[in-house]
C-alpha cells in the first residue's frame, strides 16, 4: 500500500508508543529534500521540541517551498497564573539526559535555557546512578555561571517531583545571571568533599560530552 511505503520509517513510532517530531534536514545535490525524525518515549513531545527546532535551524533549509525564509524565533512558555511552577535543573534532568522524562512525562514544559549567577560551583557526585552533579553557591566565587534549564511543572506534579528527590540533593532558590531567582536543584556541602569539580566546563552537558569523547 502507498501509505505503508510512505510510513516505512515512521509507522513504528505509534506501535511502540513513542513521541516523535519530523523536521527538514536540508537538500541533496539533486535538489531533493531530506528529513530527520527525533524519537523519544511517550509524552516527551515538549522535551523533543527544542532539539527538533535546533536541527531545523542548523539545516538552513528555510520554510517549506521558500528555502530562503527565516525561521521565526521559537516561542517560550511563560507560566503565570496557570497553576505551573518553575524549577531549574542542572544535571540528569536536562533535555536529552536520562531523567528528563520525569519532567516531560509529568506535563512539564521547557521555559528557557540560561545560566546561574557567577558564584556557583559544580561537582560530580560520587556513586550516583545515573550520574548526577552537585551545585553549590559560594559567595565571592567569580565564575561565568553554569548552564541550567528552567522547566514549568503543574503544581501537583511539582510536589510529587520534589518529594522523590534523594539526599544530598534538594530544592532551594537559584540566582540566575539576569538577577532573577527560581527554585532549583542544590546540594548539601558535605557531599562534594573530595568530589571532582567541573565548574570550568560551564555545565553538566559539557562534562558528559567531554567524558564521551575521551
Foldseek 3Di string as FASTA:
>chain_A
DVVCVVCVPPPVCVVVQKDKDKAWQEADPVRHTDIDIDIDHHQQVQLCVVVRVVNNQVSQQADPPPSNHDDDDDDFDDDDPPQKAKEKEFAQCHRPHDNVCLQRVQVKHWGDKFFFAQQKWKFWFPPDVPTTIAIDGDPPHGGDTAIIIMMIGRNVSVVVVQVPDDPQKHWDWTHGRVRDIHIYIHGDPVRCVVTGIDVVLRGHVSVVVVVVVD
